[in-house]
Amino acid sequence: MVIKSPSIAIQRILAFGADWLVILVWAGLIFGVVMAVTAGNPERLSSPWISQTMGFVLMTLPVVLCFAVLESSVQQATLGKRVFGLMVIDQTGQRTSFGSAFFRNAIKFAPWESGHIVANQFAFSDDAEIATWVYGPMVISFIFPLWWIVSIFSTGRTPYDRASCTQVVHTHQVPA
């Protein structure tokens, strides 16, 4: 069942915005802990790849895991989706598995992680020329989210919905 409603597209975007507020709280907590532990003077990491790994372990992986746990839970929704009356279902209309939810969110946050790669490469460049390969992740971090927004408005589903055989529906659309 494909839903082509602009209202669900708008609700999905608003729900994701609400979820970003939760992500910002997590980022603020990590920042606060780092500043407290280092007395406000954290050391600069030695390479962009160490910085990338730290960012992945402290930000991206916990966010993907949290979203996967919530979307495969009984509520079938992140906090933002719950606020906007949305839920994630599998192709049979049932609760999605943790594996599918994890895969879904790994794809969803891949552009974010690509953006982290670009940011780390630029931060460690010291005004040197940026390697040509960095433009690949840069394109991914901009084009994929645009593709997903176009997909939401045109079909009601994103490429990560299709890849994980899931979809986001209004909670009242799912039979009890």
N, C-alpha and C. Protein backbone atom coordinates (compact mmCIF):
# COMPACT_ATOMS: atom_id res chain seq x y z
N MET A 1 0.85 -1.18 0.00
CA MET A 1 0.00 0.00 0.00
C MET A 1 0.89 1.23 0.00
N VAL A 2 0.82 2.05 -1.03
CA VAL A 2 1.60 3.28 -1.14
C VAL A 2 0.67 4.45 -0.87
N ILE A 3 1.10 5.31 0.01
CA ILE A 3 0.30 6.47 0.38
C ILE A 3 0.89 7.68 -0.32
N LYS A 4 0.07 8.38 -1.11
CA LYS A 4 0.57 9.54 -1.84
C LYS A 4 -0.04 10.82 -1.25
N SER A 5 -0.10 10.90 0.04
CA SER A 5 -0.71 12.05 0.70
C SER A 5 0.35 13.08 1.07
N PRO A 6 0.16 14.33 0.62
CA PRO A 6 1.13 15.35 1.03
C PRO A 6 1.14 15.53 2.54
N SER A 7 0.00 15.27 3.20
CA SER A 7 -0.05 15.47 4.65
C SER A 7 0.90 14.51 5.36
N ILE A 8 1.00 13.27 4.91
CA ILE A 8 1.92 12.35 5.58
C ILE A 8 3.36 12.77 5.30
N ALA A 9 3.63 13.31 4.13
CA ALA A 9 4.98 13.79 3.83
C ALA A 9 5.35 14.92 4.79
N ILE A 10 4.45 15.86 4.96
CA ILE A 10 4.72 16.98 5.86
C ILE A 10 4.85 16.48 7.29
N GLN A 11 3.98 15.56 7.69
CA GLN A 11 4.07 15.02 9.05
C GLN A 11 5.37 14.26 9.26
N ARG A 12 5.83 13.53 8.25
CA ARG A 12 7.10 12.82 8.38
C ARG A 12 8.26 13.79 8.55
N ILE A 13 8.25 14.87 7.80
CA ILE A 13 9.32 15.86 7.92
C ILE A 13 9.26 16.53 9.29
N LEU A 14 8.07 16.88 9.75
CA LEU A 14 7.94 17.48 11.08
C LEU A 14 8.36 16.50 12.18
N ALA A 15 8.00 15.23 12.01
CA ALA A 15 8.39 14.21 12.99
C ALA A 15 9.91 14.07 13.04
N PHE A 16 10.53 14.11 11.87
CA PHE A 16 11.99 14.02 11.83
C PHE A 16 12.62 15.24 12.49
N GLY A 17 11.99 16.41 12.30
CA GLY A 17 12.46 17.61 12.99
C GLY A 17 12.39 17.46 14.50
N ALA A 18 11.29 16.89 14.98
CA ALA A 18 11.16 16.63 16.43
C ALA A 18 12.23 15.65 16.89
N ASP A 19 12.49 14.63 16.08
CA ASP A 19 13.54 13.67 16.43
C ASP A 19 14.91 14.34 16.48
N TRP A 20 15.13 15.33 15.62
CA TRP A 20 16.40 16.05 15.64
C TRP A 20 16.59 16.81 16.94
N LEU A 21 15.50 17.27 17.55
CA LEU A 21 15.62 17.92 18.85
C LEU A 21 16.16 16.94 19.89
N VAL A 22 15.70 15.70 19.81
CA VAL A 22 16.22 14.66 20.72
C VAL A 22 17.70 14.40 20.44
N ILE A 23 18.06 14.36 19.16
CA ILE A 23 19.46 14.16 18.78
C ILE A 23 20.32 15.32 19.30
N LEU A 24 19.80 16.54 19.23
CA LEU A 24 20.54 17.69 19.75
C LEU A 24 20.74 17.60 21.26
N VAL A 25 19.75 17.09 21.96
CA VAL A 25 19.91 16.88 23.41
C VAL A 25 21.04 15.89 23.66
N TRP A 26 21.07 14.79 22.90
CA TRP A 26 22.14 13.80 23.03
C TRP A 26 23.50 14.44 22.73
N ALA A 27 23.59 15.22 21.68
CA ALA A 27 24.84 15.90 21.32
C ALA A 27 25.27 16.86 22.43
N GLY A 28 24.30 17.58 22.99
CA GLY A 28 24.60 18.49 24.09
C GLY A 28 25.11 17.76 25.33
N LEU A 29 24.52 16.60 25.59
CA LEU A 29 24.97 15.79 26.73
C LEU A 29 26.41 15.33 26.52
N ILE A 30 26.72 14.84 25.32
CA ILE A 30 28.09 14.41 25.02
C ILE A 30 29.05 15.59 25.15
N PHE A 31 28.67 16.73 24.59
CA PHE A 31 29.51 17.92 24.68
C PHE A 31 29.76 18.30 26.14
N GLY A 32 28.71 18.28 26.94
CA GLY A 32 28.84 18.62 28.35
C GLY A 32 29.77 17.68 29.10
N VAL A 33 29.64 16.39 28.82
CA VAL A 33 30.51 15.39 29.47
C VAL A 33 31.97 15.62 29.05
N VAL A 34 32.21 15.81 27.75
CA VAL A 34 33.58 16.05 27.27
C VAL A 34 34.16 17.29 27.93
N MET A 35 33.38 18.36 27.98
CA MET A 35 33.88 19.60 28.59
C MET A 35 34.13 19.42 30.08
N ALA A 36 33.28 18.68 30.76
CA ALA A 36 33.48 18.45 32.20
C ALA A 36 34.72 17.60 32.45
N VAL A 37 34.89 16.54 31.66
CA VAL A 37 36.01 15.63 31.84
C VAL A 37 37.35 16.29 31.51
N THR A 38 37.34 17.19 30.54
CA THR A 38 38.60 17.83 30.10
C THR A 38 38.78 19.23 30.68
N ALA A 39 37.96 19.59 31.66
CA ALA A 39 38.00 20.93 32.26
C ALA A 39 37.88 22.02 31.19
N GLY A 40 37.08 21.77 30.19
CA GLY A 40 36.82 22.76 29.16
C GLY A 40 37.91 22.92 28.12
N ASN A 41 38.86 21.99 28.11
CA ASN A 41 39.98 22.10 27.18
C ASN A 41 40.30 20.73 26.55
N PRO A 42 39.40 20.23 25.68
CA PRO A 42 39.66 18.92 25.08
C PRO A 42 40.84 18.98 24.11
N GLU A 43 41.60 17.91 24.08
CA GLU A 43 42.72 17.82 23.13
C GLU A 43 42.19 17.63 21.72
N ARG A 44 42.91 18.18 20.76
CA ARG A 44 42.57 17.95 19.35
C ARG A 44 42.97 16.52 19.01
N LEU A 45 42.08 15.82 18.35
CA LEU A 45 42.40 14.45 17.95
C LEU A 45 43.48 14.47 16.88
N SER A 46 44.17 13.36 16.71
CA SER A 46 45.37 13.34 15.86
C SER A 46 45.10 13.19 14.37
N SER A 47 43.90 12.76 13.99
CA SER A 47 43.63 12.58 12.56
C SER A 47 42.13 12.68 12.28
N PRO A 48 41.78 12.95 11.03
CA PRO A 48 40.35 12.99 10.71
C PRO A 48 39.67 11.64 10.89
N TRP A 49 40.43 10.55 10.74
CA TRP A 49 39.82 9.22 10.87
C TRP A 49 39.56 8.85 12.32
N ILE A 50 40.40 9.32 13.23
CA ILE A 50 40.12 9.11 14.66
C ILE A 50 38.91 9.94 15.05
N SER A 51 38.86 11.17 14.57
CA SER A 51 37.71 12.03 14.83
C SER A 51 36.43 11.42 14.24
N GLN A 52 36.53 10.89 13.04
CA GLN A 52 35.39 10.24 12.38
C GLN A 52 34.90 9.06 13.20
N THR A 53 35.83 8.25 13.67
CA THR A 53 35.47 7.08 14.48
C THR A 53 34.80 7.50 15.77
N MET A 54 35.35 8.51 16.42
CA MET A 54 34.74 9.00 17.67
C MET A 54 33.32 9.51 17.42
N GLY A 55 33.16 10.28 16.36
CA GLY A 55 31.83 10.80 16.03
C GLY A 55 30.85 9.68 15.72
N PHE A 56 31.32 8.67 14.99
CA PHE A 56 30.45 7.55 14.65
C PHE A 56 30.03 6.80 15.91
N VAL A 57 30.99 6.51 16.78
CA VAL A 57 30.70 5.73 17.99
C VAL A 57 29.84 6.50 18.97
N LEU A 58 30.07 7.82 19.09
CA LEU A 58 29.35 8.61 20.08
C LEU A 58 28.04 9.21 19.58
N MET A 59 27.92 9.42 18.26
CA MET A 59 26.71 10.06 17.73
C MET A 59 25.92 9.17 16.79
N THR A 60 26.51 8.82 15.66
CA THR A 60 25.74 8.15 14.62
C THR A 60 25.23 6.78 15.06
N LEU A 61 26.11 5.93 15.57
CA LEU A 61 25.69 4.59 15.97
C LEU A 61 24.62 4.62 17.07
N PRO A 62 24.77 5.42 18.14
CA PRO A 62 23.69 5.47 19.13
C PRO A 62 22.37 5.96 18.56
N VAL A 63 22.41 6.93 17.64
CA VAL A 63 21.17 7.44 17.05
C VAL A 63 20.51 6.36 16.20
N VAL A 64 21.29 5.69 15.36
CA VAL A 64 20.74 4.61 14.52
C VAL A 64 20.16 3.50 15.40
N LEU A 65 20.89 3.11 16.44
CA LEU A 65 20.39 2.07 17.34
C LEU A 65 19.12 2.51 18.05
N CYS A 66 19.09 3.72 18.54
CA CYS A 66 17.90 4.24 19.23
C CYS A 66 16.69 4.24 18.29
N PHE A 67 16.86 4.76 17.09
CA PHE A 67 15.76 4.77 16.13
C PHE A 67 15.30 3.35 15.81
N ALA A 68 16.25 2.44 15.64
CA ALA A 68 15.90 1.05 15.31
C ALA A 68 15.14 0.39 16.46
N VAL A 69 15.60 0.61 17.67
CA VAL A 69 14.91 0.03 18.84
C VAL A 69 13.49 0.58 18.92
N LEU A 70 13.34 1.89 18.79
CA LEU A 70 12.02 2.50 18.91
C LEU A 70 11.08 2.08 17.79
N GLU A 71 11.60 2.02 16.55
CA GLU A 71 10.73 1.66 15.42
C GLU A 71 10.37 0.18 15.39
N SER A 72 11.15 -0.66 16.05
CA SER A 72 10.81 -2.09 16.12
C SER A 72 10.13 -2.44 17.44
N SER A 73 9.88 -1.44 18.28
CA SER A 73 9.23 -1.66 19.57
C SER A 73 7.72 -1.78 19.38
N VAL A 74 7.03 -1.96 20.47
CA VAL A 74 5.57 -2.05 20.44
C VAL A 74 4.96 -0.75 19.90
N GLN A 75 5.57 0.40 20.20
CA GLN A 75 5.06 1.68 19.70
C GLN A 75 5.33 1.87 18.21
N GLN A 76 6.35 1.19 17.68
CA GLN A 76 6.71 1.23 16.26
C GLN A 76 7.03 2.65 15.77
N ALA A 77 7.57 3.47 16.66
CA ALA A 77 7.78 4.86 16.28
C ALA A 77 8.82 5.53 17.17
N THR A 78 9.54 6.47 16.57
CA THR A 78 10.41 7.35 17.34
C THR A 78 9.53 8.35 18.06
N LEU A 79 10.11 9.16 18.92
CA LEU A 79 9.34 10.17 19.64
C LEU A 79 8.63 11.11 18.67
N GLY A 80 9.35 11.58 17.65
CA GLY A 80 8.74 12.47 16.66
C GLY A 80 7.56 11.82 15.94
N LYS A 81 7.72 10.56 15.55
CA LYS A 81 6.62 9.87 14.88
C LYS A 81 5.42 9.73 15.82
N ARG A 82 5.69 9.42 17.08
CA ARG A 82 4.59 9.28 18.05
C ARG A 82 3.84 10.59 18.20
N VAL A 83 4.57 11.71 18.28
CA VAL A 83 3.95 13.03 18.42
C VAL A 83 3.02 13.32 17.24
N PHE A 84 3.42 12.89 16.06
CA PHE A 84 2.64 13.19 14.85
C PHE A 84 1.73 12.03 14.42
N GLY A 85 1.56 11.03 15.29
CA GLY A 85 0.62 9.94 15.00
C GLY A 85 1.05 9.05 13.86
N LEU A 86 2.35 8.82 13.73
CA LEU A 86 2.88 7.97 12.68
C LEU A 86 3.54 6.73 13.27
N MET A 87 3.65 5.71 12.46
CA MET A 87 4.35 4.50 12.89
C MET A 87 4.96 3.79 11.69
N VAL A 88 5.96 2.96 11.96
CA VAL A 88 6.64 2.19 10.92
C VAL A 88 6.08 0.78 10.92
N ILE A 89 5.73 0.30 9.73
CA ILE A 89 5.23 -1.06 9.59
C ILE A 89 6.03 -1.77 8.49
N ASP A 90 5.97 -3.10 8.51
CA ASP A 90 6.61 -3.85 7.43
C ASP A 90 5.64 -3.99 6.26
N GLN A 91 6.03 -4.72 5.25
CA GLN A 91 5.19 -4.80 4.05
C GLN A 91 3.90 -5.58 4.26
N THR A 92 3.79 -6.31 5.36
CA THR A 92 2.55 -7.02 5.66
C THR A 92 1.66 -6.24 6.62
N GLY A 93 2.10 -5.04 7.02
CA GLY A 93 1.31 -4.22 7.94
C GLY A 93 1.61 -4.49 9.40
N GLN A 94 2.61 -5.31 9.66
CA GLN A 94 2.96 -5.68 11.04
C GLN A 94 4.15 -4.86 11.53
N ARG A 95 4.46 -5.07 12.80
CA ARG A 95 5.65 -4.42 13.38
C ARG A 95 6.89 -4.93 12.67
N THR A 96 7.81 -4.02 12.35
CA THR A 96 9.03 -4.39 11.66
C THR A 96 10.03 -5.00 12.64
N SER A 97 10.89 -5.82 12.14
CA SER A 97 11.92 -6.44 12.98
C SER A 97 13.01 -5.43 13.31
N PHE A 98 13.78 -5.71 14.35
CA PHE A 98 14.90 -4.85 14.69
C PHE A 98 15.88 -4.78 13.52
N GLY A 99 16.14 -5.91 12.87
CA GLY A 99 17.08 -5.93 11.75
C GLY A 99 16.65 -5.01 10.62
N SER A 100 15.38 -5.05 10.26
CA SER A 100 14.87 -4.16 9.21
C SER A 100 14.91 -2.70 9.64
N ALA A 101 14.56 -2.46 10.89
CA ALA A 101 14.59 -1.09 11.41
C ALA A 101 16.02 -0.57 11.47
N PHE A 102 16.96 -1.43 11.83
CA PHE A 102 18.37 -1.01 11.87
C PHE A 102 18.85 -0.69 10.45
N PHE A 103 18.55 -1.57 9.51
CA PHE A 103 18.94 -1.36 8.11
C PHE A 103 18.33 -0.06 7.58
N ARG A 104 17.05 0.15 7.87
CA ARG A 104 16.33 1.35 7.45
C ARG A 104 17.04 2.61 7.94
N ASN A 105 17.39 2.61 9.21
CA ASN A 105 18.00 3.80 9.81
C ASN A 105 19.47 3.96 9.45
N ALA A 106 20.15 2.86 9.20
CA ALA A 106 21.54 2.97 8.72
C ALA A 106 21.56 3.68 7.37
N ILE A 107 20.60 3.34 6.51
CA ILE A 107 20.51 4.01 5.21
C ILE A 107 20.08 5.47 5.40
N LYS A 108 19.10 5.68 6.28
CA LYS A 108 18.59 7.04 6.51
C LYS A 108 19.71 7.98 6.97
N PHE A 109 20.59 7.49 7.85
CA PHE A 109 21.63 8.36 8.41
C PHE A 109 22.96 8.28 7.66
N ALA A 110 23.02 7.53 6.58
CA ALA A 110 24.26 7.47 5.78
C ALA A 110 24.68 8.85 5.26
N PRO A 111 23.76 9.69 4.77
CA PRO A 111 24.20 11.02 4.33
C PRO A 111 24.74 11.88 5.48
N TRP A 112 24.18 11.70 6.65
CA TRP A 112 24.67 12.42 7.83
C TRP A 112 26.12 12.02 8.11
N GLU A 113 26.36 10.72 8.06
CA GLU A 113 27.72 10.23 8.28
C GLU A 113 28.65 10.69 7.17
N SER A 114 28.16 10.73 5.94
CA SER A 114 28.96 11.26 4.84
C SER A 114 29.33 12.72 5.10
N GLY A 115 28.39 13.47 5.63
CA GLY A 115 28.67 14.86 6.00
C GLY A 115 29.74 14.96 7.07
N HIS A 116 29.73 14.02 8.01
CA HIS A 116 30.78 13.99 9.04
C HIS A 116 32.15 13.72 8.42
N ILE A 117 32.19 12.84 7.45
CA ILE A 117 33.46 12.57 6.76
C ILE A 117 33.99 13.85 6.15
N VAL A 118 33.12 14.56 5.44
CA VAL A 118 33.52 15.81 4.78
C VAL A 118 33.98 16.83 5.83
N ALA A 119 33.21 17.00 6.89
CA ALA A 119 33.56 17.97 7.92
C ALA A 119 34.90 17.65 8.57
N ASN A 120 35.14 16.37 8.84
CA ASN A 120 36.42 15.99 9.45
C ASN A 120 37.59 16.21 8.50
N GLN A 121 37.39 15.91 7.24
CA GLN A 121 38.47 16.13 6.27
C GLN A 121 38.80 17.62 6.16
N PHE A 122 37.77 18.46 6.13
CA PHE A 122 38.00 19.90 6.06
C PHE A 122 38.64 20.42 7.35
N ALA A 123 38.17 19.93 8.51
CA ALA A 123 38.70 20.40 9.79
C ALA A 123 40.18 20.07 9.96
N PHE A 124 40.61 18.98 9.38
CA PHE A 124 42.01 18.57 9.52
C PHE A 124 42.87 18.96 8.32
N SER A 125 42.32 19.72 7.39
CA SER A 125 43.07 20.04 6.18
C SER A 125 44.13 21.11 6.40
N ASP A 126 43.97 21.92 7.44
CA ASP A 126 44.93 23.00 7.72
C ASP A 126 45.21 23.84 6.47
N ASP A 127 44.14 24.23 5.80
CA ASP A 127 44.22 25.05 4.58
C ASP A 127 44.92 24.36 3.42
N ALA A 128 45.19 23.07 3.54
CA ALA A 128 45.75 22.31 2.41
C ALA A 128 44.61 22.00 1.45
N GLU A 129 44.95 21.61 0.26
CA GLU A 129 43.94 21.25 -0.72
C GLU A 129 43.23 19.98 -0.26
N ILE A 130 41.93 19.98 -0.43
CA ILE A 130 41.12 18.83 -0.04
C ILE A 130 41.24 17.77 -1.12
N ALA A 131 41.39 16.52 -0.69
CA ALA A 131 41.50 15.41 -1.63
C ALA A 131 40.23 15.30 -2.48
N THR A 132 40.39 14.93 -3.71
CA THR A 132 39.28 14.84 -4.67
C THR A 132 38.21 13.86 -4.21
N TRP A 133 38.61 12.77 -3.55
CA TRP A 133 37.64 11.75 -3.14
C TRP A 133 36.61 12.30 -2.16
N VAL A 134 36.94 13.40 -1.45
CA VAL A 134 36.03 13.97 -0.45
C VAL A 134 34.75 14.49 -1.10
N TYR A 135 34.82 14.81 -2.39
CA TYR A 135 33.64 15.32 -3.07
C TYR A 135 32.56 14.24 -3.22
N GLY A 136 32.93 12.97 -3.22
CA GLY A 136 31.95 11.87 -3.27
C GLY A 136 31.03 11.90 -2.05
N PRO A 137 31.59 11.83 -0.83
CA PRO A 137 30.73 11.93 0.35
C PRO A 137 29.97 13.26 0.44
N MET A 138 30.59 14.32 -0.10
CA MET A 138 29.92 15.62 -0.08
C MET A 138 28.64 15.57 -0.93
N VAL A 139 28.73 14.99 -2.10
CA VAL A 139 27.56 14.86 -2.97
C VAL A 139 26.50 13.99 -2.30
N ILE A 140 26.93 12.88 -1.72
CA ILE A 140 25.98 11.99 -1.02
C ILE A 140 25.25 12.75 0.08
N SER A 141 25.99 13.55 0.85
CA SER A 141 25.38 14.24 1.99
C SER A 141 24.37 15.30 1.57
N PHE A 142 24.43 15.77 0.33
CA PHE A 142 23.45 16.75 -0.15
C PHE A 142 22.37 16.14 -1.03
N ILE A 143 22.75 15.26 -1.94
CA ILE A 143 21.80 14.73 -2.94
C ILE A 143 20.82 13.73 -2.33
N PHE A 144 21.30 12.82 -1.49
CA PHE A 144 20.41 11.79 -0.97
C PHE A 144 19.25 12.37 -0.16
N PRO A 145 19.50 13.32 0.77
CA PRO A 145 18.34 13.89 1.48
C PRO A 145 17.34 14.57 0.54
N LEU A 146 17.83 15.22 -0.49
CA LEU A 146 16.92 15.84 -1.47
C LEU A 146 16.10 14.78 -2.19
N TRP A 147 16.76 13.68 -2.57
CA TRP A 147 16.07 12.56 -3.22
C TRP A 147 14.99 12.01 -2.30
N TRP A 148 15.30 11.89 -1.02
CA TRP A 148 14.34 11.34 -0.08
C TRP A 148 13.14 12.26 0.10
N ILE A 149 13.36 13.57 0.14
CA ILE A 149 12.26 14.51 0.27
C ILE A 149 11.36 14.44 -0.97
N VAL A 150 11.97 14.42 -2.14
CA VAL A 150 11.19 14.29 -3.38
C VAL A 150 10.39 12.98 -3.35
N SER A 151 11.00 11.90 -2.91
CA SER A 151 10.31 10.61 -2.83
C SER A 151 9.14 10.64 -1.86
N ILE A 152 9.32 11.27 -0.72
CA ILE A 152 8.23 11.34 0.27
C ILE A 152 7.03 12.06 -0.34
N PHE A 153 7.28 13.17 -1.04
CA PHE A 153 6.17 13.93 -1.60
C PHE A 153 5.57 13.27 -2.84
N SER A 154 6.36 12.50 -3.57
CA SER A 154 5.81 11.90 -4.79
C SER A 154 5.19 10.52 -4.56
N THR A 155 5.72 9.74 -3.62
CA THR A 155 5.19 8.39 -3.42
C THR A 155 4.78 8.10 -1.98
N GLY A 156 5.14 8.97 -1.06
CA GLY A 156 4.85 8.72 0.35
C GLY A 156 5.91 7.86 1.03
N ARG A 157 6.88 7.38 0.25
CA ARG A 157 7.94 6.51 0.79
C ARG A 157 9.30 7.02 0.35
N THR A 158 10.29 6.73 1.17
CA THR A 158 11.67 7.09 0.84
C THR A 158 12.38 5.86 0.29
N PRO A 159 13.54 6.06 -0.33
CA PRO A 159 14.33 4.91 -0.76
C PRO A 159 14.70 3.98 0.41
N TYR A 160 14.93 4.54 1.60
CA TYR A 160 15.24 3.65 2.73
C TYR A 160 14.01 2.88 3.21
N ASP A 161 12.81 3.41 2.99
CA ASP A 161 11.59 2.64 3.26
C ASP A 161 11.54 1.44 2.32
N ARG A 162 11.75 1.72 1.03
CA ARG A 162 11.67 0.64 0.03
C ARG A 162 12.76 -0.41 0.26
N ALA A 163 13.99 0.04 0.54
CA ALA A 163 15.11 -0.90 0.73
C ALA A 163 14.88 -1.82 1.92
N SER A 164 14.22 -1.31 2.95
CA SER A 164 13.99 -2.11 4.16
C SER A 164 12.61 -2.75 4.19
N CYS A 165 11.85 -2.61 3.10
CA CYS A 165 10.49 -3.17 3.01
C CYS A 165 9.61 -2.67 4.16
N THR A 166 9.70 -1.37 4.43
CA THR A 166 8.88 -0.76 5.47
C THR A 166 8.15 0.43 4.88
N GLN A 167 7.22 0.95 5.65
CA GLN A 167 6.59 2.21 5.29
C GLN A 167 6.10 2.89 6.55
N VAL A 168 5.92 4.18 6.45
CA VAL A 168 5.41 4.98 7.56
C VAL A 168 3.96 5.31 7.26
N VAL A 169 3.10 5.02 8.23
CA VAL A 169 1.66 5.25 8.06
C VAL A 169 1.14 6.00 9.28
N HIS A 170 -0.07 6.56 9.12
CA HIS A 170 -0.77 7.13 10.27
C HIS A 170 -1.17 5.97 11.19
N THR A 171 -1.14 6.19 12.46
CA THR A 171 -1.46 5.11 13.40
C THR A 171 -2.89 4.59 13.23
N HIS A 172 -3.81 5.42 12.79
CA HIS A 172 -5.20 4.97 12.61
C HIS A 172 -5.39 4.14 11.33
N GLN A 173 -4.36 4.03 10.49
CA GLN A 173 -4.49 3.25 9.26
C GLN A 173 -4.19 1.76 9.47
N VAL A 174 -3.63 1.42 10.61
CA VAL A 174 -3.23 0.03 10.86
C VAL A 174 -4.36 -0.68 11.57
N PRO A 175 -4.83 -1.82 11.02
CA PRO A 175 -5.91 -2.55 11.69
C PRO A 175 -5.44 -3.11 13.03
N ALA A 176 -6.33 -3.10 13.99
CA ALA A 176 -5.98 -3.61 15.34
C ALA A 176 -5.88 -5.08 15.38
